[in-house]
Amino acid sequence: MIADEKRPPIPLTLAARPVRGGLAVPWINAELADGGADFRSTHRTRYEDAWKRSRCQSCGNFTGARAVLVCGPRQILHGHYDEAPACPPCALYASRACPMVAGRTEVYPDRPRVVEGHRGESCTDPDCGCAGWVNIDPEHSADMGGSPVLPWYAAWVPSGAWQITAHKAVVRCSDLGCEHEQLMINGAQLLKPPLKVTLISEPGTGRIWRTLGADEAREHATASLAKAGVS
């Protein structure tokens, strides 16, 4: 039973994706030159494309008429989302497969990411946009290591019903070493409230998957932040 919970059946939407450790590798995550993957690191070019074209962060296909924004309590309260959209089947899969989203982890890992080690030193694909897996956006990258995991929600929205947001960052070229100021997409602001909100999980409790009313979702998000002692 435990193995099934950690490695749920892979949906048809992810049938073309590579599988590592029994889990489908999301399209948006960094794939390494040695054939491995880093589930904790985002491929910047694909992340931006997902927001621009409403592509699912897991399978890379169009999300369909409805997109799912997997998020935490701050996003529910403020309407600004940083996790790229997902299609409904992939969001359901992530709610079971991802240890964080499924509520099986209570603290963010503080170990280095795979791309920060020797396996992420270089990339053999000059067109992948990863800059050799160099951290191309240090001003936006947050070190969550050791921080408590908060509840996870799924906000269901019409695809593309958001305003993309961005910030400026100084980016160093991996080949020449020169620096340039670049506008980096960091998420999107919803234009309207979500069609519905699902409580995916709570740390320590695990997966819940229960629909919340609009007021109930805001109250739950507020209470979870207060309980964790964060704002």
Protein backbone atom coordinates (compact mmCIF):
# COMPACT_ATOMS: atom_id res chain seq x y z
CA MET A 1 0.00 0.00 0.00
CA ILE A 2 2.77 2.47 0.90
CA ALA A 3 4.63 1.77 -2.34
CA ASP A 4 1.42 2.40 -4.32
CA GLU A 5 0.85 5.70 -2.56
CA LYS A 6 4.37 6.89 -3.34
CA ARG A 7 4.39 5.61 -6.93
CA PRO A 8 0.84 5.95 -8.25
CA PRO A 9 -0.15 4.82 -11.76
CA ILE A 10 1.19 7.20 -14.41
CA PRO A 11 -1.65 8.82 -16.40
CA LEU A 12 -1.82 8.79 -20.19
CA THR A 13 -0.94 12.48 -20.29
CA LEU A 14 2.53 11.56 -18.96
CA ALA A 15 3.04 8.39 -21.01
CA ALA A 16 5.71 10.05 -23.17
CA ARG A 17 7.70 11.43 -20.24
CA PRO A 18 10.82 9.66 -18.90
CA VAL A 19 10.40 7.72 -15.65
CA ARG A 20 12.91 7.89 -12.79
CA GLY A 21 12.44 5.88 -9.61
CA GLY A 22 8.94 4.90 -10.67
CA LEU A 23 7.85 8.54 -11.10
CA ALA A 24 7.24 10.44 -14.33
CA VAL A 25 9.68 13.34 -14.70
CA PRO A 26 7.77 16.62 -15.12
CA TRP A 27 8.43 18.48 -18.36
CA ILE A 28 9.31 21.63 -16.39
CA ASN A 29 12.06 20.04 -14.29
CA ALA A 30 15.77 20.00 -15.12
CA GLU A 31 16.85 16.93 -17.09
CA LEU A 32 20.56 16.23 -16.77
CA ALA A 33 23.04 15.37 -19.50
CA ASP A 34 23.67 11.97 -17.90
CA GLY A 35 20.00 11.01 -18.31
CA GLY A 36 18.98 11.82 -14.74
CA ALA A 37 16.63 14.51 -13.50
CA ASP A 38 16.38 17.01 -10.67
CA PHE A 39 12.82 17.08 -9.33
CA ARG A 40 13.66 20.18 -7.26
CA SER A 41 15.04 22.38 -10.06
CA THR A 42 13.03 24.18 -12.72
CA HIS A 43 13.99 24.56 -16.36
CA ARG A 44 13.67 28.34 -16.73
CA THR A 45 12.81 28.40 -20.46
CA ARG A 46 10.05 25.82 -20.04
CA TYR A 47 8.72 27.56 -16.94
CA GLU A 48 8.25 30.79 -18.87
CA ASP A 49 6.72 28.98 -21.85
CA ALA A 50 4.22 27.26 -19.55
CA TRP A 51 2.86 30.63 -18.37
CA LYS A 52 2.92 32.23 -21.81
CA ARG A 53 1.14 29.39 -23.63
CA SER A 54 -0.79 27.73 -20.79
CA ARG A 55 1.23 24.54 -21.06
CA CYS A 56 1.08 21.90 -18.34
CA GLN A 57 4.22 21.91 -16.22
CA SER A 58 4.12 18.11 -15.99
CA CYS A 59 3.36 16.85 -19.51
CA GLY A 60 4.14 19.99 -21.53
CA ASN A 61 0.82 19.89 -23.42
CA PHE A 62 -1.88 22.57 -23.47
CA THR A 63 -3.75 22.43 -20.17
CA GLY A 64 -7.16 22.40 -21.81
CA ALA A 65 -10.03 24.74 -21.02
CA ARG A 66 -9.25 24.56 -17.31
CA ALA A 67 -5.84 24.82 -15.73
CA VAL A 68 -4.89 23.83 -12.19
CA LEU A 69 -2.56 26.03 -10.16
CA VAL A 70 -1.00 24.00 -7.35
CA CYS A 71 -0.21 26.44 -4.58
CA GLY A 72 0.21 27.30 -0.92
CA PRO A 73 -1.84 29.52 1.43
CA ARG A 74 -0.16 32.79 0.39
CA GLN A 75 -1.31 32.29 -3.18
CA ILE A 76 -4.87 31.62 -2.07
CA LEU A 77 -4.90 34.88 -0.10
CA HIS A 78 -3.10 37.18 -2.55
CA GLY A 79 -3.93 35.70 -5.96
CA HIS A 80 -0.33 35.66 -7.20
CA TYR A 81 0.84 32.19 -8.22
CA ASP A 82 4.41 31.08 -8.86
CA GLU A 83 3.88 27.39 -9.67
CA ALA A 84 3.27 27.02 -13.42
CA PRO A 85 -0.12 25.65 -14.53
CA ALA A 86 -0.95 21.97 -14.83
CA CYS A 87 -3.65 20.05 -16.67
CA PRO A 88 -6.21 18.30 -14.40
CA PRO A 89 -4.95 14.70 -14.90
CA CYS A 90 -1.36 15.71 -14.18
CA ALA A 91 -2.38 17.79 -11.15
CA LEU A 92 -4.19 14.76 -9.75
CA TYR A 93 -1.09 12.63 -10.34
CA ALA A 94 1.16 15.19 -8.64
CA SER A 95 -1.14 15.25 -5.63
CA ARG A 96 -0.21 11.61 -5.06
CA ALA A 97 3.31 11.32 -6.52
CA CYS A 98 5.06 14.44 -5.15
CA PRO A 99 6.08 13.96 -1.49
CA MET A 100 5.65 17.68 -0.81
CA VAL A 101 2.28 18.12 -2.47
CA ALA A 102 0.97 14.86 -1.02
CA GLY A 103 1.80 16.02 2.51
CA ARG A 104 4.29 13.25 3.22
CA THR A 105 7.02 15.80 4.06
CA GLU A 106 6.80 18.36 6.86
CA VAL A 107 10.07 20.28 6.25
CA TYR A 108 11.74 21.40 3.03
CA PRO A 109 14.99 19.46 2.42
CA ASP A 110 18.15 21.42 3.14
CA ARG A 111 20.51 19.25 1.07
CA PRO A 112 21.97 20.72 -2.16
CA ARG A 113 19.98 20.28 -5.37
CA VAL A 114 21.26 17.72 -7.86
CA VAL A 115 22.07 20.46 -10.39
CA GLU A 116 24.33 22.12 -7.82
CA GLY A 117 26.65 19.09 -7.79
CA HIS A 118 28.96 17.64 -10.41
CA ARG A 119 26.04 16.13 -12.36
CA GLY A 120 24.76 19.62 -13.15
CA GLU A 121 28.04 21.19 -14.20
CA SER A 122 27.36 21.03 -17.92
CA CYS A 123 24.64 20.39 -20.46
CA THR A 124 25.21 18.86 -23.91
CA ASP A 125 22.21 20.53 -25.56
CA PRO A 126 23.07 24.10 -26.68
CA ASP A 127 19.41 24.86 -27.46
CA CYS A 128 17.86 23.84 -24.15
CA GLY A 129 18.04 27.31 -22.58
CA CYS A 130 19.38 26.05 -19.25
CA ALA A 131 22.66 28.02 -19.35
CA GLY A 132 24.50 24.82 -18.41
CA TRP A 133 22.24 24.48 -15.32
CA VAL A 134 23.81 27.59 -13.87
CA ASN A 135 21.44 29.37 -11.50
CA ILE A 136 20.48 32.10 -13.96
CA ASP A 137 18.10 33.88 -11.61
CA PRO A 138 19.75 34.18 -8.18
CA GLU A 139 17.61 37.17 -7.18
CA HIS A 140 14.43 35.11 -7.36
CA SER A 141 15.69 31.76 -6.04
CA ALA A 142 14.69 31.20 -2.44
CA ASP A 143 16.44 28.81 -0.07
CA MET A 144 13.55 26.93 1.53
CA GLY A 145 15.78 24.37 3.24
CA GLY A 146 14.59 23.66 6.78
CA SER A 147 11.42 25.74 6.42
CA PRO A 148 8.12 24.11 7.41
CA VAL A 149 5.93 22.81 4.60
CA LEU A 150 2.49 24.43 4.48
CA PRO A 151 -0.80 23.01 3.19
CA TRP A 152 -1.14 22.60 -0.56
CA TYR A 153 -4.16 23.63 -2.60
CA ALA A 154 -5.34 23.31 -6.19
CA ALA A 155 -6.91 26.43 -7.68
CA TRP A 156 -8.99 25.62 -10.76
CA VAL A 157 -9.01 28.50 -13.28
CA PRO A 158 -9.81 29.10 -16.96
CA SER A 159 -6.63 28.58 -18.98
CA GLY A 160 -4.82 31.85 -19.56
CA ALA A 161 -7.04 33.82 -17.18
CA TRP A 162 -4.05 35.51 -15.59
CA GLN A 163 -1.68 38.42 -15.99
CA ILE A 164 1.95 37.30 -16.21
CA THR A 165 4.29 39.05 -13.78
CA ALA A 166 8.06 39.45 -13.94
CA HIS A 167 11.07 41.04 -12.28
CA LYS A 168 14.50 42.12 -13.44
CA ALA A 169 17.56 40.02 -12.66
CA VAL A 170 21.24 40.17 -13.58
CA VAL A 171 22.09 37.08 -15.63
CA ARG A 172 25.63 35.86 -16.28
CA CYS A 173 26.33 34.13 -19.61
CA SER A 174 27.64 30.63 -18.91
CA ASP A 175 30.02 30.68 -21.89
CA LEU A 176 31.39 34.25 -21.96
CA GLY A 177 30.98 35.27 -18.33
CA CYS A 178 29.41 38.63 -19.23
CA GLU A 179 26.39 39.94 -17.31
CA HIS A 180 23.11 41.30 -18.63
CA GLU A 181 19.93 42.58 -17.03
CA GLN A 182 17.02 40.38 -18.07
CA LEU A 183 13.29 40.38 -17.40
CA MET A 184 12.35 37.09 -15.72
CA ILE A 185 8.79 35.75 -15.51
CA ASN A 186 8.05 34.87 -11.87
CA GLY A 187 4.41 33.78 -12.07
CA ALA A 188 1.04 35.36 -12.68
CA GLN A 189 -1.75 37.30 -10.99
CA LEU A 190 -5.25 35.91 -11.43
CA LEU A 191 -7.72 38.21 -13.18
CA LYS A 192 -10.68 36.59 -11.38
CA PRO A 193 -11.09 34.37 -8.31
CA PRO A 194 -10.58 30.63 -8.92
CA LEU A 195 -13.55 28.63 -10.18
CA LYS A 196 -12.98 26.32 -7.21
CA VAL A 197 -10.29 25.45 -4.68
CA THR A 198 -9.33 21.96 -3.53
CA LEU A 199 -7.38 21.33 -0.33
CA ILE A 200 -4.81 18.81 -1.52
CA SER A 201 -2.95 18.02 1.68
CA GLU A 202 -1.69 19.17 5.04
CA PRO A 203 1.78 18.36 6.43
CA GLY A 204 1.61 15.54 8.93
CA THR A 205 -1.92 14.63 7.85
CA GLY A 206 -1.24 13.71 4.24
CA ARG A 207 -3.42 13.84 1.17
CA ILE A 208 -6.97 15.13 1.70
CA TRP A 209 -8.33 16.31 -1.69
CA ARG A 210 -11.43 18.14 -0.45
CA THR A 211 -13.22 21.02 -2.17
CA LEU A 212 -13.39 24.25 -0.17
CA GLY A 213 -15.77 27.16 -0.56
CA ALA A 214 -14.24 30.55 -1.35
CA ASP A 215 -14.53 31.87 2.21
CA GLU A 216 -13.51 28.52 3.68
CA ALA A 217 -10.37 28.47 1.51
CA ARG A 218 -9.30 31.93 2.67
CA GLU A 219 -10.01 31.10 6.32
CA HIS A 220 -8.07 27.84 6.05
CA ALA A 221 -5.11 29.59 4.39
CA THR A 222 -5.04 32.31 7.04
CA ALA A 223 -5.21 29.78 9.88
CA SER A 224 -2.44 27.63 8.37
CA LEU A 225 -0.05 30.57 8.15
CA ALA A 226 -0.82 31.57 11.73
CA LYS A 227 -0.28 28.01 12.93
CA ALA A 228 3.10 27.84 11.20
CA GLY A 229 4.09 31.25 12.58
CA VAL A 230 4.73 32.76 9.15
CA SER A 231 3.14 35.59 7.25
